[in-house]
């Protein structure tokens, strides 16, 4: 794990896109309780290919296929805790392989964020989108601490604690992080409107609490409708008081119809890029995508980042970034 005093987070401008829905688009079965983590067993090469495509599209940071890995989830399938821990390590190793492969094409610095979902993700019943759990605070701390301890011994650069629905779970994560002071992390919330996280607390209150931690290098908003993001950036900034970078990686804009079990709406990568430009202008330090986004969305985000760099640093820097962003255009 990279010491947090060596993390140059301001250099991270472009995050990757969705992993699970991109794997599904490529023919992988993610229907079980482990979601995208099932593909660690069935097709690790496909995971590596997705990572590599995101890097070629311009991502500065890739997230591992470990969002839904937990001892609880593995036990549900009759598998033991050692297999869950092995899956966490394997997810980081696959990302490392992709980073090493990409380094032969482009030597630029790439970060690996070890993805961990909330407790609700382990329940695989949509609970992360409301955060109403039947679990005590100490047990919630233990749930997160167990996985953090495994990832602390890997070569991930930081932990991405994602789709956090409530202030209580954020506080449990902070308690778990304090058990391993060397860990650096971002904490990213899922929001139900332009003011509140999924459970109902104001995002501003959540970011104020998270910003107190020296281990948190950024505060995020993810798995949220893109039309809400510009306002949420302002809420996050007001809560953090300038103490932390704000990052955003919303969904494509499509919505999941639980009755028909299909995604509805349109995933417009070019339009997503236009919004990314607005999010950078609103103060987002880094932008990426969540559900139903793919390499085309990341390339559009990278273009937006390059255009912003031209304003800040001049056209030469924009040319460098734009060339990088379009390297996978074919």
C-alpha atoms as a PDB file:
ATOM      1  CA  UNK A   1       0.000   0.000   0.000  1.00  0.00           C
ATOM      2  CA  UNK A   2       1.383   3.397  -0.989  1.00  0.00           C
ATOM      3  CA  UNK A   3       1.945   5.657   2.049  1.00  0.00           C
ATOM      4  CA  UNK A   4      -0.615   8.436   1.915  1.00  0.00           C
ATOM      5  CA  UNK A   5       2.080  11.122   2.104  1.00  0.00           C
ATOM      6  CA  UNK A   6       3.248   9.850  -1.306  1.00  0.00           C
ATOM      7  CA  UNK A   7      -0.188  10.091  -2.909  1.00  0.00           C
ATOM      8  CA  UNK A   8      -0.213  13.027  -5.292  1.00  0.00           C
ATOM      9  CA  UNK A   9      -3.986  13.096  -5.559  1.00  0.00           C
ATOM     10  CA  UNK A  10      -4.110  16.373  -7.483  1.00  0.00           C
ATOM     11  CA  UNK A  11      -2.467  14.531 -10.397  1.00  0.00           C
ATOM     12  CA  UNK A  12      -5.508  12.240 -10.645  1.00  0.00           C
ATOM     13  CA  UNK A  13      -8.031  13.897 -12.950  1.00  0.00           C
ATOM     14  CA  UNK A  14      -9.698  11.003 -14.767  1.00  0.00           C
ATOM     15  CA  UNK A  15     -11.145   7.952 -13.025  1.00  0.00           C
ATOM     16  CA  UNK A  16     -12.260   4.789 -14.778  1.00  0.00           C
ATOM     17  CA  UNK A  17     -15.823   3.731 -15.566  1.00  0.00           C
ATOM     18  CA  UNK A  18     -18.084   0.881 -14.539  1.00  0.00           C
ATOM     19  CA  UNK A  19     -16.626  -2.566 -14.057  1.00  0.00           C
ATOM     20  CA  UNK A  20     -19.673  -4.794 -13.461  1.00  0.00           C
ATOM     21  CA  UNK A  21     -21.891  -3.503 -16.247  1.00  0.00           C
ATOM     22  CA  UNK A  22     -18.920  -3.373 -18.634  1.00  0.00           C
ATOM     23  CA  UNK A  23     -18.104  -7.011 -17.849  1.00  0.00           C
ATOM     24  CA  UNK A  24     -21.745  -7.875 -18.454  1.00  0.00           C
ATOM     25  CA  UNK A  25     -21.641  -6.047 -21.788  1.00  0.00           C
ATOM     26  CA  UNK A  26     -18.692  -8.267 -22.728  1.00  0.00           C
ATOM     27  CA  UNK A  27     -20.670 -11.425 -22.010  1.00  0.00           C
ATOM     28  CA  UNK A  28     -19.795 -12.160 -18.373  1.00  0.00           C
ATOM     29  CA  UNK A  29     -22.413 -13.467 -15.930  1.00  0.00           C
ATOM     30  CA  UNK A  30     -22.659 -11.134 -12.915  1.00  0.00           C
ATOM     31  CA  UNK A  31     -26.077 -12.307 -11.730  1.00  0.00           C
ATOM     32  CA  UNK A  32     -24.963 -14.023  -8.503  1.00  0.00           C
ATOM     33  CA  UNK A  33     -24.516 -12.578  -4.989  1.00  0.00           C
ATOM     34  CA  UNK A  34     -20.877 -11.626  -5.647  1.00  0.00           C
ATOM     35  CA  UNK A  35     -21.831  -9.496  -8.680  1.00  0.00           C
ATOM     36  CA  UNK A  36     -18.707  -8.585 -10.672  1.00  0.00           C
ATOM     37  CA  UNK A  37     -16.500 -10.585  -8.294  1.00  0.00           C
ATOM     38  CA  UNK A  38     -17.847 -13.787  -9.881  1.00  0.00           C
ATOM     39  CA  UNK A  39     -15.675 -12.933 -12.877  1.00  0.00           C
ATOM     40  CA  UNK A  40     -12.560 -13.268 -10.711  1.00  0.00           C
ATOM     41  CA  UNK A  41     -13.278 -17.008 -10.904  1.00  0.00           C
ATOM     42  CA  UNK A  42     -14.558 -17.259 -14.457  1.00  0.00           C
ATOM     43  CA  UNK A  43     -12.593 -14.787 -16.584  1.00  0.00           C
ATOM     44  CA  UNK A  44      -9.833 -12.747 -14.916  1.00  0.00           C
ATOM     45  CA  UNK A  45      -8.419 -11.957 -18.370  1.00  0.00           C
ATOM     46  CA  UNK A  46     -11.618 -10.076 -19.210  1.00  0.00           C
ATOM     47  CA  UNK A  47     -11.207  -7.984 -16.064  1.00  0.00           C
ATOM     48  CA  UNK A  48      -7.638  -7.154 -17.086  1.00  0.00           C
ATOM     49  CA  UNK A  49      -8.864  -6.204 -20.567  1.00  0.00           C
ATOM     50  CA  UNK A  50     -11.428  -3.791 -19.104  1.00  0.00           C
ATOM     51  CA  UNK A  51      -8.750  -2.180 -16.913  1.00  0.00           C
ATOM     52  CA  UNK A  52      -6.477  -1.812 -19.933  1.00  0.00           C
ATOM     53  CA  UNK A  53      -9.221  -0.261 -22.060  1.00  0.00           C
ATOM     54  CA  UNK A  54      -9.896   2.315 -19.353  1.00  0.00           C
ATOM     55  CA  UNK A  55      -6.206   3.184 -19.158  1.00  0.00           C
ATOM     56  CA  UNK A  56      -6.024   3.582 -22.916  1.00  0.00           C
ATOM     57  CA  UNK A  57      -9.085   5.828 -22.734  1.00  0.00           C
ATOM     58  CA  UNK A  58      -7.201   8.136 -20.364  1.00  0.00           C
ATOM     59  CA  UNK A  59      -7.925   6.976 -16.805  1.00  0.00           C
ATOM     60  CA  UNK A  60      -5.360   8.016 -14.201  1.00  0.00           C
ATOM     61  CA  UNK A  61      -6.743   5.582 -11.630  1.00  0.00           C
ATOM     62  CA  UNK A  62      -8.360   2.154 -12.002  1.00  0.00           C
ATOM     63  CA  UNK A  63     -10.564   0.471  -9.402  1.00  0.00           C
ATOM     64  CA  UNK A  64     -10.422  -3.226  -8.593  1.00  0.00           C
ATOM     65  CA  UNK A  65     -13.155  -5.842  -9.086  1.00  0.00           C
ATOM     66  CA  UNK A  66     -13.699  -6.250  -5.346  1.00  0.00           C
ATOM     67  CA  UNK A  67     -16.686  -4.008  -4.599  1.00  0.00           C
ATOM     68  CA  UNK A  68     -18.900  -6.901  -3.502  1.00  0.00           C
ATOM     69  CA  UNK A  69     -16.260  -9.213  -2.024  1.00  0.00           C
ATOM     70  CA  UNK A  70     -16.919 -10.079   1.611  1.00  0.00           C
ATOM     71  CA  UNK A  71     -16.655 -13.073   3.922  1.00  0.00           C
ATOM     72  CA  UNK A  72     -20.426 -12.926   4.297  1.00  0.00           C
ATOM     73  CA  UNK A  73     -20.994 -13.152   0.555  1.00  0.00           C
ATOM     74  CA  UNK A  74     -18.574 -16.047   0.124  1.00  0.00           C
ATOM     75  CA  UNK A  75     -20.086 -17.982   3.016  1.00  0.00           C
ATOM     76  CA  UNK A  76     -23.470 -17.660   1.372  1.00  0.00           C
ATOM     77  CA  UNK A  77     -22.008 -19.692  -1.490  1.00  0.00           C
ATOM     78  CA  UNK A  78     -20.477 -22.272   0.842  1.00  0.00           C
ATOM     79  CA  UNK A  79     -16.990 -20.814   0.528  1.00  0.00           C
ATOM     80  CA  UNK A  80     -14.758 -19.813   3.440  1.00  0.00           C
ATOM     81  CA  UNK A  81     -13.136 -16.601   4.585  1.00  0.00           C
ATOM     82  CA  UNK A  82      -9.766 -17.533   3.072  1.00  0.00           C
ATOM     83  CA  UNK A  83     -11.334 -17.537  -0.379  1.00  0.00           C
ATOM     84  CA  UNK A  84     -12.822 -14.085   0.187  1.00  0.00           C
ATOM     85  CA  UNK A  85      -9.445 -12.764   1.297  1.00  0.00           C
ATOM     86  CA  UNK A  86      -7.772 -14.379  -1.701  1.00  0.00           C
ATOM     87  CA  UNK A  87     -10.305 -12.718  -3.998  1.00  0.00           C
ATOM     88  CA  UNK A  88      -9.436  -9.285  -2.572  1.00  0.00           C
ATOM     89  CA  UNK A  89      -5.760  -9.894  -3.252  1.00  0.00           C
ATOM     90  CA  UNK A  90      -6.454 -11.329  -6.701  1.00  0.00           C
ATOM     91  CA  UNK A  91      -8.463  -8.258  -7.705  1.00  0.00           C
ATOM     92  CA  UNK A  92      -5.494  -6.019  -6.889  1.00  0.00           C
ATOM     93  CA  UNK A  93      -3.074  -8.342  -8.680  1.00  0.00           C
ATOM     94  CA  UNK A  94      -5.167  -8.235 -11.875  1.00  0.00           C
ATOM     95  CA  UNK A  95      -5.163  -4.436 -11.778  1.00  0.00           C
ATOM     96  CA  UNK A  96      -1.399  -4.499 -11.275  1.00  0.00           C
ATOM     97  CA  UNK A  97      -0.985  -6.741 -14.310  1.00  0.00           C
ATOM     98  CA  UNK A  98      -3.017  -4.320 -16.406  1.00  0.00           C
ATOM     99  CA  UNK A  99      -1.004  -1.360 -15.134  1.00  0.00           C
ATOM    100  CA  UNK A 100       2.271  -3.137 -15.930  1.00  0.00           C
ATOM    101  CA  UNK A 101       1.053  -4.036 -19.407  1.00  0.00           C
ATOM    102  CA  UNK A 102      -0.025  -0.454 -20.055  1.00  0.00           C
ATOM    103  CA  UNK A 103       3.342   0.867 -18.871  1.00  0.00           C
ATOM    104  CA  UNK A 104       4.886  -0.654 -21.991  1.00  0.00           C
ATOM    105  CA  UNK A 105       2.642   1.656 -24.030  1.00  0.00           C
ATOM    106  CA  UNK A 106       2.777   4.780 -21.854  1.00  0.00           C
ATOM    107  CA  UNK A 107       5.007   5.339 -18.786  1.00  0.00           C
ATOM    108  CA  UNK A 108       2.680   7.832 -17.108  1.00  0.00           C
ATOM    109  CA  UNK A 109       1.816   7.311 -13.429  1.00  0.00           C
ATOM    110  CA  UNK A 110      -1.250   5.169 -12.770  1.00  0.00           C
ATOM    111  CA  UNK A 111      -2.917   4.581  -9.407  1.00  0.00           C
ATOM    112  CA  UNK A 112      -4.874   1.534  -8.256  1.00  0.00           C
ATOM    113  CA  UNK A 113      -7.840   2.029  -5.938  1.00  0.00           C
ATOM    114  CA  UNK A 114      -9.006  -1.113  -4.149  1.00  0.00           C
ATOM    115  CA  UNK A 115     -12.800  -0.945  -4.381  1.00  0.00           C
ATOM    116  CA  UNK A 116     -14.950  -1.806  -1.363  1.00  0.00           C
ATOM    117  CA  UNK A 117     -18.703  -1.431  -1.291  1.00  0.00           C
ATOM    118  CA  UNK A 118     -20.893  -0.749   1.743  1.00  0.00           C
ATOM    119  CA  UNK A 119     -22.400  -3.396   3.993  1.00  0.00           C
ATOM    120  CA  UNK A 120     -25.562  -3.199   1.914  1.00  0.00           C
ATOM    121  CA  UNK A 121     -23.681  -4.511  -1.120  1.00  0.00           C
ATOM    122  CA  UNK A 122     -22.909  -7.742   0.756  1.00  0.00           C
ATOM    123  CA  UNK A 123     -26.651  -8.186   1.293  1.00  0.00           C
ATOM    124  CA  UNK A 124     -27.135  -7.962  -2.518  1.00  0.00           C
ATOM    125  CA  UNK A 125     -30.706  -6.730  -2.080  1.00  0.00           C
ATOM    126  CA  UNK A 126     -30.311  -3.063  -2.933  1.00  0.00           C
ATOM    127  CA  UNK A 127     -29.772  -2.028   0.688  1.00  0.00           C
ATOM    128  CA  UNK A 128     -26.868   0.237  -0.262  1.00  0.00           C
ATOM    129  CA  UNK A 129     -29.440   2.538  -1.867  1.00  0.00           C
ATOM    130  CA  UNK A 130     -31.254   3.182   1.402  1.00  0.00           C
ATOM    131  CA  UNK A 131     -28.729   2.254   4.127  1.00  0.00           C
ATOM    132  CA  UNK A 132     -31.266   0.850   6.569  1.00  0.00           C
ATOM    133  CA  UNK A 133     -29.363  -2.103   8.009  1.00  0.00           C
ATOM    134  CA  UNK A 134     -30.135  -4.482  10.841  1.00  0.00           C
ATOM    135  CA  UNK A 135     -26.594  -4.413  12.189  1.00  0.00           C
ATOM    136  CA  UNK A 136     -25.003  -2.696  15.168  1.00  0.00           C
ATOM    137  CA  UNK A 137     -22.351  -0.029  14.826  1.00  0.00           C
ATOM    138  CA  UNK A 138     -19.527  -2.177  16.233  1.00  0.00           C
ATOM    139  CA  UNK A 139     -20.392  -5.005  13.838  1.00  0.00           C
ATOM    140  CA  UNK A 140     -20.404  -2.519  10.968  1.00  0.00           C
ATOM    141  CA  UNK A 141     -16.912  -1.394  11.977  1.00  0.00           C
ATOM    142  CA  UNK A 142     -15.752  -5.030  12.089  1.00  0.00           C
ATOM    143  CA  UNK A 143     -17.226  -5.728   8.644  1.00  0.00           C
ATOM    144  CA  UNK A 144     -15.139  -2.975   7.080  1.00  0.00           C
ATOM    145  CA  UNK A 145     -12.030  -3.549   9.217  1.00  0.00           C
ATOM    146  CA  UNK A 146     -11.731  -7.176   8.128  1.00  0.00           C
ATOM    147  CA  UNK A 147     -11.443  -6.288   4.437  1.00  0.00           C
ATOM    148  CA  UNK A 148      -9.247  -3.249   5.040  1.00  0.00           C
ATOM    149  CA  UNK A 149      -6.732  -5.413   6.905  1.00  0.00           C
ATOM    150  CA  UNK A 150      -6.378  -7.712   3.891  1.00  0.00           C
ATOM    151  CA  UNK A 151      -5.999  -4.880   1.396  1.00  0.00           C
ATOM    152  CA  UNK A 152      -3.445  -3.085   3.572  1.00  0.00           C
ATOM    153  CA  UNK A 153      -0.971  -5.815   2.654  1.00  0.00           C
ATOM    154  CA  UNK A 154      -1.460  -5.438  -1.121  1.00  0.00           C
ATOM    155  CA  UNK A 155       0.076  -3.056  -3.641  1.00  0.00           C
ATOM    156  CA  UNK A 156      -3.084  -0.992  -4.046  1.00  0.00           C
ATOM    157  CA  UNK A 157      -2.338   2.713  -3.737  1.00  0.00           C
ATOM    158  CA  UNK A 158      -5.472   3.542  -1.791  1.00  0.00           C
ATOM    159  CA  UNK A 159      -8.904   2.218  -0.843  1.00  0.00           C
ATOM    160  CA  UNK A 160     -12.051   3.359  -2.655  1.00  0.00           C
ATOM    161  CA  UNK A 161     -14.941   3.019  -0.209  1.00  0.00           C
ATOM    162  CA  UNK A 162     -17.863   3.459  -2.553  1.00  0.00           C
ATOM    163  CA  UNK A 163     -21.615   3.960  -2.679  1.00  0.00           C
ATOM    164  CA  UNK A 164     -21.792   4.752   1.037  1.00  0.00           C
ATOM    165  CA  UNK A 165     -25.440   5.530   1.849  1.00  0.00           C
ATOM    166  CA  UNK A 166     -25.347   7.012   5.354  1.00  0.00           C
ATOM    167  CA  UNK A 167     -23.460   9.079   7.872  1.00  0.00           C
ATOM    168  CA  UNK A 168     -23.432   6.164  10.330  1.00  0.00           C
ATOM    169  CA  UNK A 169     -21.666   3.875   7.850  1.00  0.00           C
ATOM    170  CA  UNK A 170     -19.175   6.618   7.005  1.00  0.00           C
ATOM    171  CA  UNK A 171     -18.382   6.948  10.711  1.00  0.00           C
ATOM    172  CA  UNK A 172     -17.972   3.179  10.996  1.00  0.00           C
ATOM    173  CA  UNK A 173     -15.520   3.269   8.097  1.00  0.00           C
ATOM    174  CA  UNK A 174     -13.531   6.051   9.743  1.00  0.00           C
ATOM    175  CA  UNK A 175     -13.336   3.963  12.925  1.00  0.00           C
ATOM    176  CA  UNK A 176     -12.130   0.958  10.905  1.00  0.00           C
ATOM    177  CA  UNK A 177      -9.555   3.047   9.035  1.00  0.00           C
ATOM    178  CA  UNK A 178      -8.064   4.290  12.287  1.00  0.00           C
ATOM    179  CA  UNK A 179      -7.089   0.703  13.106  1.00  0.00           C
ATOM    180  CA  UNK A 180      -4.607   0.839  10.186  1.00  0.00           C
ATOM    181  CA  UNK A 181      -3.128   4.368  10.225  1.00  0.00           C
ATOM    182  CA  UNK A 182      -1.020   3.771   7.099  1.00  0.00           C
ATOM    183  CA  UNK A 183      -4.096   3.378   4.880  1.00  0.00           C
ATOM    184  CA  UNK A 184      -5.237   6.145   2.546  1.00  0.00           C
ATOM    185  CA  UNK A 185      -8.783   6.138   1.211  1.00  0.00           C
ATOM    186  CA  UNK A 186     -11.494   8.041  -0.509  1.00  0.00           C
ATOM    187  CA  UNK A 187     -15.063   7.785   0.746  1.00  0.00           C
ATOM    188  CA  UNK A 188     -17.772   8.238  -1.850  1.00  0.00           C
ATOM    189  CA  UNK A 189     -21.483   8.665  -1.123  1.00  0.00           C
ATOM    190  CA  UNK A 190     -24.537   7.711  -3.143  1.00  0.00           C
ATOM    191  CA  UNK A 191     -27.195  10.441  -3.121  1.00  0.00           C
ATOM    192  CA  UNK A 192     -30.946  10.407  -3.604  1.00  0.00           C
ATOM    193  CA  UNK A 193     -31.317  14.075  -4.557  1.00  0.00           C
ATOM    194  CA  UNK A 194     -29.204  17.224  -4.872  1.00  0.00           C
ATOM    195  CA  UNK A 195     -28.837  17.622  -1.086  1.00  0.00           C
ATOM    196  CA  UNK A 196     -29.137  14.278   0.717  1.00  0.00           C
ATOM    197  CA  UNK A 197     -27.332  10.948   0.749  1.00  0.00           C
ATOM    198  CA  UNK A 198     -29.414   7.824   0.215  1.00  0.00           C
ATOM    199  CA  UNK A 199     -30.251   7.332   3.898  1.00  0.00           C
ATOM    200  CA  UNK A 200     -31.411  10.931   4.235  1.00  0.00           C
ATOM    201  CA  UNK A 201     -28.635  12.887   5.931  1.00  0.00           C
ATOM    202  CA  UNK A 202     -27.427  16.068   4.211  1.00  0.00           C
ATOM    203  CA  UNK A 203     -24.343  15.364   2.097  1.00  0.00           C
ATOM    204  CA  UNK A 204     -22.833  18.491   3.601  1.00  0.00           C
ATOM    205  CA  UNK A 205     -23.015  16.920   7.079  1.00  0.00           C
ATOM    206  CA  UNK A 206     -21.461  13.686   5.834  1.00  0.00           C
ATOM    207  CA  UNK A 207     -18.559  15.373   4.085  1.00  0.00           C
ATOM    208  CA  UNK A 208     -17.870  17.551   7.118  1.00  0.00           C
ATOM    209  CA  UNK A 209     -17.488  14.418   9.246  1.00  0.00           C
ATOM    210  CA  UNK A 210     -15.311  12.591   6.718  1.00  0.00           C
ATOM    211  CA  UNK A 211     -13.087  15.614   6.119  1.00  0.00           C
ATOM    212  CA  UNK A 212     -11.853  15.375   9.713  1.00  0.00           C
ATOM    213  CA  UNK A 213      -9.873  12.223   8.922  1.00  0.00           C
ATOM    214  CA  UNK A 214      -6.213  12.590   7.895  1.00  0.00           C
ATOM    215  CA  UNK A 215      -6.501   9.215   6.136  1.00  0.00           C
ATOM    216  CA  UNK A 216      -9.169  10.419   3.720  1.00  0.00           C
ATOM    217  CA  UNK A 217      -7.545  11.924   0.627  1.00  0.00           C
ATOM    218  CA  UNK A 218     -10.776  12.710  -1.239  1.00  0.00           C
ATOM    219  CA  UNK A 219     -14.534  12.756  -0.821  1.00  0.00           C
ATOM    220  CA  UNK A 220     -16.703  11.412  -3.605  1.00  0.00           C
ATOM    221  CA  UNK A 221     -20.178  11.161  -5.079  1.00  0.00           C
ATOM    222  CA  UNK A 222     -20.915   8.009  -7.084  1.00  0.00           C
ATOM    223  CA  UNK A 223     -23.750   5.774  -8.295  1.00  0.00           C
ATOM    224  CA  UNK A 224     -25.941   8.868  -8.523  1.00  0.00           C
ATOM    225  CA  UNK A 225     -27.918  10.417 -11.373  1.00  0.00           C
ATOM    226  CA  UNK A 226     -25.637  12.750 -13.378  1.00  0.00           C
ATOM    227  CA  UNK A 227     -28.107  15.642 -13.429  1.00  0.00           C
ATOM    228  CA  UNK A 228     -27.700  15.959  -9.632  1.00  0.00           C
ATOM    229  CA  UNK A 229     -23.915  16.065  -9.608  1.00  0.00           C
ATOM    230  CA  UNK A 230     -23.200  19.768 -10.189  1.00  0.00           C
ATOM    231  CA  UNK A 231     -25.271  20.779  -7.153  1.00  0.00           C
ATOM    232  CA  UNK A 232     -23.827  17.941  -5.074  1.00  0.00           C
ATOM    233  CA  UNK A 233     -20.277  19.120  -5.778  1.00  0.00           C
ATOM    234  CA  UNK A 234     -21.156  22.403  -4.125  1.00  0.00           C
ATOM    235  CA  UNK A 235     -22.727  20.633  -1.145  1.00  0.00           C
ATOM    236  CA  UNK A 236     -19.657  18.427  -0.720  1.00  0.00           C
ATOM    237  CA  UNK A 237     -17.295  21.385  -0.961  1.00  0.00           C
ATOM    238  CA  UNK A 238     -19.238  23.362   1.626  1.00  0.00           C
ATOM    239  CA  UNK A 239     -19.156  20.430   4.024  1.00  0.00           C
ATOM    240  CA  UNK A 240     -15.476  19.686   3.493  1.00  0.00           C
ATOM    241  CA  UNK A 241     -14.532  23.331   3.769  1.00  0.00           C
ATOM    242  CA  UNK A 242     -11.735  22.998   1.237  1.00  0.00           C
ATOM    243  CA  UNK A 243      -9.932  20.351   3.298  1.00  0.00           C
ATOM    244  CA  UNK A 244     -10.358  17.518   0.794  1.00  0.00           C
ATOM    245  CA  UNK A 245     -10.511  17.021  -2.960  1.00  0.00           C
ATOM    246  CA  UNK A 246     -13.996  16.268  -4.307  1.00  0.00           C
ATOM    247  CA  UNK A 247     -14.352  13.532  -6.918  1.00  0.00           C
ATOM    248  CA  UNK A 248     -17.449  12.409  -8.822  1.00  0.00           C
ATOM    249  CA  UNK A 249     -18.341   9.309 -10.818  1.00  0.00           C
ATOM    250  CA  UNK A 250     -22.071   9.137 -11.475  1.00  0.00           C
ATOM    251  CA  UNK A 251     -24.103   6.601 -13.425  1.00  0.00           C
ATOM    252  CA  UNK A 252     -24.573   6.952 -17.167  1.00  0.00           C
ATOM    253  CA  UNK A 253     -28.016   8.528 -16.789  1.00  0.00           C
ATOM    254  CA  UNK A 254     -29.851   5.297 -17.500  1.00  0.00           C
ATOM    255  CA  UNK A 255     -32.129   3.859 -14.819  1.00  0.00           C
ATOM    256  CA  UNK A 256     -32.714   0.261 -13.756  1.00  0.00           C
ATOM    257  CA  UNK A 257     -36.283  -1.034 -14.056  1.00  0.00           C
ATOM    258  CA  UNK A 258     -36.553  -3.674 -11.335  1.00  0.00           C
ATOM    259  CA  UNK A 259     -39.831  -5.051 -12.738  1.00  0.00           C
ATOM    260  CA  UNK A 260     -38.543  -5.700 -16.264  1.00  0.00           C
ATOM    261  CA  UNK A 261     -34.897  -6.111 -15.149  1.00  0.00           C
ATOM    262  CA  UNK A 262     -33.577  -3.911 -17.928  1.00  0.00           C
ATOM    263  CA  UNK A 263     -31.821  -0.566 -18.102  1.00  0.00           C
ATOM    264  CA  UNK A 264     -33.914   2.236 -19.534  1.00  0.00           C
ATOM    265  CA  UNK A 265     -32.837   5.512 -21.090  1.00  0.00           C
ATOM    266  CA  UNK A 266     -29.825   6.465 -23.149  1.00  0.00           C
ATOM    267  CA  UNK A 267     -26.103   6.248 -22.401  1.00  0.00           C
ATOM    268  CA  UNK A 268     -24.677   9.176 -24.350  1.00  0.00           C
ATOM    269  CA  UNK A 269     -20.897   9.247 -23.954  1.00  0.00           C
ATOM    270  CA  UNK A 270     -20.528  12.592 -25.730  1.00  0.00           C
ATOM    271  CA  UNK A 271     -23.189  14.170 -23.530  1.00  0.00           C
ATOM    272  CA  UNK A 272     -21.501  12.707 -20.472  1.00  0.00           C
ATOM    273  CA  UNK A 273     -18.313  14.416 -21.568  1.00  0.00           C
ATOM    274  CA  UNK A 274     -20.122  17.755 -21.792  1.00  0.00           C
ATOM    275  CA  UNK A 275     -21.363  17.284 -18.236  1.00  0.00           C
ATOM    276  CA  UNK A 276     -17.858  16.259 -17.127  1.00  0.00           C
ATOM    277  CA  UNK A 277     -16.583  19.605 -18.375  1.00  0.00           C
ATOM    278  CA  UNK A 278     -19.218  21.289 -16.186  1.00  0.00           C
ATOM    279  CA  UNK A 279     -18.254  19.170 -13.176  1.00  0.00           C
ATOM    280  CA  UNK A 280     -14.606  20.087 -13.530  1.00  0.00           C
ATOM    281  CA  UNK A 281     -15.637  23.734 -13.785  1.00  0.00           C
ATOM    282  CA  UNK A 282     -17.743  23.338 -10.642  1.00  0.00           C
ATOM    283  CA  UNK A 283     -14.676  22.213  -8.719  1.00  0.00           C
ATOM    284  CA  UNK A 284     -14.441  18.444  -9.086  1.00  0.00           C
ATOM    285  CA  UNK A 285     -10.826  17.314  -8.770  1.00  0.00           C
ATOM    286  CA  UNK A 286     -11.437  14.057 -10.655  1.00  0.00           C
ATOM    287  CA  UNK A 287     -14.291  12.656 -12.727  1.00  0.00           C
ATOM    288  CA  UNK A 288     -15.171   9.119 -13.769  1.00  0.00           C
ATOM    289  CA  UNK A 289     -18.207   6.945 -14.327  1.00  0.00           C
ATOM    290  CA  UNK A 290     -20.231   4.376 -12.421  1.00  0.00           C
ATOM    291  CA  UNK A 291     -22.983   2.010 -13.628  1.00  0.00           C
ATOM    292  CA  UNK A 292     -23.393   1.685 -17.411  1.00  0.00           C
ATOM    293  CA  UNK A 293     -20.460   3.905 -18.305  1.00  0.00           C
ATOM    294  CA  UNK A 294     -17.620   2.478 -20.373  1.00  0.00           C
ATOM    295  CA  UNK A 295     -14.349   3.360 -22.106  1.00  0.00           C
ATOM    296  CA  UNK A 296     -16.090   5.790 -24.471  1.00  0.00           C
ATOM    297  CA  UNK A 297     -17.359   7.770 -21.466  1.00  0.00           C
ATOM    298  CA  UNK A 298     -13.867   7.821 -19.940  1.00  0.00           C
ATOM    299  CA  UNK A 299     -12.370   9.036 -23.218  1.00  0.00           C
ATOM    300  CA  UNK A 300     -14.934  11.864 -23.257  1.00  0.00           C
ATOM    301  CA  UNK A 301     -14.058  12.714 -19.645  1.00  0.00           C
ATOM    302  CA  UNK A 302     -10.377  12.744 -20.534  1.00  0.00           C
ATOM    303  CA  UNK A 303     -11.099  15.162 -23.371  1.00  0.00           C
ATOM    304  CA  UNK A 304     -12.917  17.407 -20.889  1.00  0.00           C
ATOM    305  CA  UNK A 305      -9.958  17.219 -18.505  1.00  0.00           C
ATOM    306  CA  UNK A 306      -7.605  18.106 -21.352  1.00  0.00           C
ATOM    307  CA  UNK A 307      -9.711  21.127 -22.268  1.00  0.00           C
ATOM    308  CA  UNK A 308      -9.606  22.259 -18.652  1.00  0.00           C
ATOM    309  CA  UNK A 309      -5.842  21.792 -18.605  1.00  0.00           C
ATOM    310  CA  UNK A 310      -5.533  24.060 -21.638  1.00  0.00           C
ATOM    311  CA  UNK A 311      -7.196  26.827 -19.663  1.00  0.00           C
ATOM    312  CA  UNK A 312      -4.960  26.243 -16.638  1.00  0.00           C
ATOM    313  CA  UNK A 313      -1.633  25.273 -18.233  1.00  0.00           C
ATOM    314  CA  UNK A 314      -1.774  26.196 -21.914  1.00  0.00           C
ATOM    315  CA  UNK A 315      -2.418  24.323 -25.168  1.00  0.00           C
ATOM    316  CA  UNK A 316       0.715  22.139 -24.969  1.00  0.00           C
ATOM    317  CA  UNK A 317      -0.581  20.360 -21.882  1.00  0.00           C
ATOM    318  CA  UNK A 318      -3.970  19.958 -23.544  1.00  0.00           C
ATOM    319  CA  UNK A 319      -2.331  18.350 -26.557  1.00  0.00           C
ATOM    320  CA  UNK A 320      -0.534  15.813 -24.364  1.00  0.00           C
ATOM    321  CA  UNK A 321      -3.694  14.870 -22.504  1.00  0.00           C
ATOM    322  CA  UNK A 322      -5.867  14.751 -25.600  1.00  0.00           C
ATOM    323  CA  UNK A 323      -3.426  12.435 -27.365  1.00  0.00           C
ATOM    324  CA  UNK A 324      -3.535  10.153 -24.342  1.00  0.00           C
ATOM    325  CA  UNK A 325      -7.326  10.244 -24.226  1.00  0.00           C
ATOM    326  CA  UNK A 326      -7.718   9.241 -27.840  1.00  0.00           C
ATOM    327  CA  UNK A 327      -5.103   6.466 -27.818  1.00  0.00           C
ATOM    328  CA  UNK A 328      -7.870   3.833 -27.774  1.00  0.00           C
ATOM    329  CA  UNK A 329     -10.135   5.521 -30.304  1.00  0.00           C
ATOM    330  CA  UNK A 330      -9.816   2.550 -32.651  1.00  0.00           C
END
